[in-house]
């Protein structure tokens, strides 16, 4: 699967490629993700050997309201 984002002038800003997908429990997750940012000649290629699903979310995103 390929996803791309273009700016207002139609110029490609980011392109992401996800493949091939592998079954993990009841999900299909990519075993490889490639990100390309042409404007800075950057390519990031991530390869996953395995996935571990989180069964319980950690309590790390608890925003605190400011005083006042």
N, C-alpha and C. Protein backbone atom coordinates (compact mmCIF):
# COMPACT_ATOMS: atom_id res chain seq x y z
N UNK A 1 0.84 -1.15 0.00
CA UNK A 1 0.00 0.00 0.00
C UNK A 1 0.90 1.23 0.00
N UNK A 2 0.53 2.22 -0.77
CA UNK A 2 1.31 3.44 -0.87
C UNK A 2 0.41 4.64 -0.55
N UNK A 3 0.91 5.53 0.30
CA UNK A 3 0.19 6.74 0.68
C UNK A 3 1.11 7.91 0.44
N UNK A 4 0.59 8.97 -0.18
CA UNK A 4 1.43 10.14 -0.42
C UNK A 4 0.67 11.41 -0.05
N UNK A 5 1.45 12.44 0.26
CA UNK A 5 0.90 13.75 0.61
C UNK A 5 1.56 14.78 -0.30
N UNK A 6 0.73 15.60 -0.94
CA UNK A 6 1.23 16.66 -1.81
C UNK A 6 0.89 18.01 -1.19
N UNK A 7 1.72 19.02 -1.49
CA UNK A 7 1.43 20.36 -0.97
C UNK A 7 0.41 21.05 -1.87
N UNK A 8 0.11 22.30 -1.58
CA UNK A 8 -0.93 23.04 -2.32
C UNK A 8 -0.57 23.21 -3.80
N UNK A 9 0.72 23.15 -4.13
CA UNK A 9 1.15 23.29 -5.52
C UNK A 9 1.22 21.93 -6.24
N UNK A 10 0.86 20.87 -5.55
CA UNK A 10 0.88 19.54 -6.14
C UNK A 10 2.23 18.84 -6.05
N UNK A 11 3.16 19.44 -5.31
CA UNK A 11 4.49 18.85 -5.15
C UNK A 11 4.46 17.81 -4.03
N UNK A 12 5.04 16.64 -4.30
CA UNK A 12 5.07 15.55 -3.32
C UNK A 12 5.90 15.95 -2.11
N UNK A 13 5.31 15.84 -0.90
CA UNK A 13 6.04 16.18 0.32
C UNK A 13 6.48 14.94 1.08
N UNK A 14 5.60 13.94 1.14
CA UNK A 14 5.92 12.68 1.84
C UNK A 14 5.26 11.53 1.10
N UNK A 15 5.98 10.41 1.05
CA UNK A 15 5.39 9.19 0.49
C UNK A 15 5.74 8.05 1.43
N UNK A 16 4.74 7.26 1.77
CA UNK A 16 4.94 6.11 2.65
C UNK A 16 4.48 4.84 1.94
N UNK A 17 5.31 3.81 2.01
CA UNK A 17 4.98 2.51 1.43
C UNK A 17 4.96 1.49 2.55
N UNK A 18 3.87 0.73 2.62
CA UNK A 18 3.69 -0.30 3.64
C UNK A 18 3.54 -1.65 2.95
N UNK A 19 4.49 -2.56 3.14
CA UNK A 19 4.35 -3.91 2.58
C UNK A 19 5.54 -4.77 2.98
N UNK A 20 5.48 -6.04 2.87
CA UNK A 20 4.25 -6.83 2.81
C UNK A 20 3.61 -6.90 4.20
N UNK A 21 2.36 -7.25 4.22
CA UNK A 21 1.63 -7.34 5.48
C UNK A 21 1.71 -8.76 6.04
N UNK A 22 1.73 -8.85 7.37
CA UNK A 22 1.77 -10.17 8.00
C UNK A 22 0.68 -10.25 9.06
N UNK A 23 0.08 -11.43 9.24
CA UNK A 23 -0.99 -11.57 10.23
C UNK A 23 -0.42 -11.59 11.65
N UNK A 24 -1.03 -10.79 12.52
CA UNK A 24 -0.70 -10.75 13.95
C UNK A 24 -2.04 -10.77 14.69
N UNK A 25 -2.31 -11.87 15.35
CA UNK A 25 -3.64 -12.09 15.95
C UNK A 25 -4.69 -11.90 14.86
N UNK A 26 -5.58 -10.96 15.05
CA UNK A 26 -6.64 -10.73 14.06
C UNK A 26 -6.35 -9.52 13.17
N UNK A 27 -5.11 -9.03 13.20
CA UNK A 27 -4.73 -7.83 12.44
C UNK A 27 -3.73 -8.19 11.34
N UNK A 28 -3.71 -7.36 10.29
CA UNK A 28 -2.66 -7.43 9.28
C UNK A 28 -1.78 -6.20 9.48
N UNK A 29 -0.50 -6.43 9.83
CA UNK A 29 0.42 -5.33 10.11
C UNK A 29 1.59 -5.40 9.12
N UNK A 30 2.13 -4.24 8.74
CA UNK A 30 3.23 -4.26 7.77
C UNK A 30 4.51 -4.79 8.39
N UNK A 31 5.27 -5.51 7.59
CA UNK A 31 6.59 -5.96 8.04
C UNK A 31 7.67 -4.99 7.56
N UNK A 32 7.28 -4.04 6.73
CA UNK A 32 8.22 -3.03 6.24
C UNK A 32 7.47 -1.73 5.98
N UNK A 33 8.08 -0.61 6.38
CA UNK A 33 7.55 0.72 6.10
C UNK A 33 8.70 1.55 5.54
N UNK A 34 8.47 2.15 4.39
CA UNK A 34 9.47 3.04 3.81
C UNK A 34 8.86 4.43 3.70
N UNK A 35 9.54 5.43 4.27
CA UNK A 35 9.11 6.83 4.20
C UNK A 35 10.10 7.59 3.34
N UNK A 36 9.57 8.39 2.42
CA UNK A 36 10.42 9.22 1.58
C UNK A 36 9.98 10.68 1.69
N UNK A 37 10.97 11.56 1.88
CA UNK A 37 10.74 13.00 1.92
C UNK A 37 11.65 13.60 0.85
N UNK A 38 11.13 13.76 -0.37
CA UNK A 38 11.98 14.18 -1.49
C UNK A 38 12.65 15.55 -1.31
N UNK A 39 12.00 16.48 -0.63
CA UNK A 39 12.54 17.83 -0.51
C UNK A 39 13.88 17.87 0.22
N UNK A 40 14.13 16.90 1.09
CA UNK A 40 15.40 16.85 1.82
C UNK A 40 16.19 15.57 1.49
N UNK A 41 15.77 14.90 0.40
CA UNK A 41 16.43 13.67 -0.05
C UNK A 41 16.59 12.66 1.08
N UNK A 42 15.51 12.44 1.82
CA UNK A 42 15.52 11.54 2.98
C UNK A 42 14.67 10.31 2.70
N UNK A 43 15.22 9.14 3.00
CA UNK A 43 14.49 7.89 2.95
C UNK A 43 14.73 7.14 4.26
N UNK A 44 13.65 6.70 4.89
CA UNK A 44 13.73 5.89 6.10
C UNK A 44 13.11 4.55 5.78
N UNK A 45 13.84 3.48 6.02
CA UNK A 45 13.36 2.13 5.70
C UNK A 45 13.32 1.33 7.00
N UNK A 46 12.12 1.04 7.48
CA UNK A 46 11.93 0.29 8.73
C UNK A 46 11.51 -1.13 8.40
N UNK A 47 12.18 -2.12 9.01
CA UNK A 47 11.82 -3.52 8.81
C UNK A 47 11.55 -4.14 10.17
N UNK A 48 10.38 -4.75 10.30
CA UNK A 48 9.95 -5.33 11.56
C UNK A 48 10.12 -6.85 11.53
N UNK A 49 10.74 -7.40 12.55
CA UNK A 49 10.87 -8.85 12.66
C UNK A 49 9.63 -9.45 13.31
N UNK A 50 9.04 -8.68 14.24
CA UNK A 50 7.84 -9.16 14.93
C UNK A 50 7.09 -7.97 15.51
N UNK A 51 5.86 -8.22 15.86
CA UNK A 51 5.00 -7.21 16.49
C UNK A 51 4.52 -7.77 17.82
N UNK A 52 4.44 -6.92 18.82
CA UNK A 52 3.84 -7.29 20.10
C UNK A 52 2.68 -6.34 20.34
N UNK A 53 1.49 -6.89 20.46
CA UNK A 53 0.33 -6.05 20.69
C UNK A 53 0.22 -5.66 22.15
N UNK A 54 -0.12 -4.40 22.38
CA UNK A 54 -0.31 -3.90 23.74
C UNK A 54 -1.72 -4.28 24.18
N UNK A 55 -1.82 -4.96 25.29
CA UNK A 55 -3.14 -5.37 25.77
C UNK A 55 -3.76 -4.32 26.69
N UNK A 56 -2.91 -3.50 27.31
CA UNK A 56 -3.41 -2.45 28.18
C UNK A 56 -2.56 -1.20 27.96
N UNK A 57 -3.22 -0.07 27.69
CA UNK A 57 -2.50 1.16 27.44
C UNK A 57 -1.86 1.70 28.72
N UNK A 58 -0.59 2.09 28.64
CA UNK A 58 0.05 2.67 29.82
C UNK A 58 -0.52 4.06 30.11
N UNK A 59 -0.49 4.48 31.35
CA UNK A 59 -1.04 5.77 31.74
C UNK A 59 0.02 6.87 31.58
N UNK A 60 0.41 7.12 30.35
CA UNK A 60 1.43 8.13 30.08
C UNK A 60 0.87 9.37 29.40
N UNK A 61 -0.38 9.33 29.02
CA UNK A 61 -1.00 10.45 28.33
C UNK A 61 -2.12 11.05 29.16
N UNK A 62 -1.79 11.43 30.38
CA UNK A 62 -2.77 12.04 31.28
C UNK A 62 -2.49 13.52 31.39
N UNK A 63 -3.14 14.34 30.55
CA UNK A 63 -2.88 15.78 30.60
C UNK A 63 -3.38 16.37 31.91
N UNK A 64 -2.63 17.32 32.39
CA UNK A 64 -2.98 18.01 33.64
C UNK A 64 -3.43 19.42 33.26
N UNK A 65 -4.61 19.80 33.71
CA UNK A 65 -5.12 21.15 33.43
C UNK A 65 -4.29 22.19 34.17
N UNK A 66 -3.99 23.30 33.48
CA UNK A 66 -3.23 24.36 34.15
C UNK A 66 -4.08 25.02 35.23
N UNK A 67 -3.40 25.55 36.25
CA UNK A 67 -4.13 26.24 37.32
C UNK A 67 -4.73 27.52 36.78
N UNK A 68 -5.85 27.89 37.39
CA UNK A 68 -6.47 29.19 37.04
C UNK A 68 -7.62 29.01 36.21
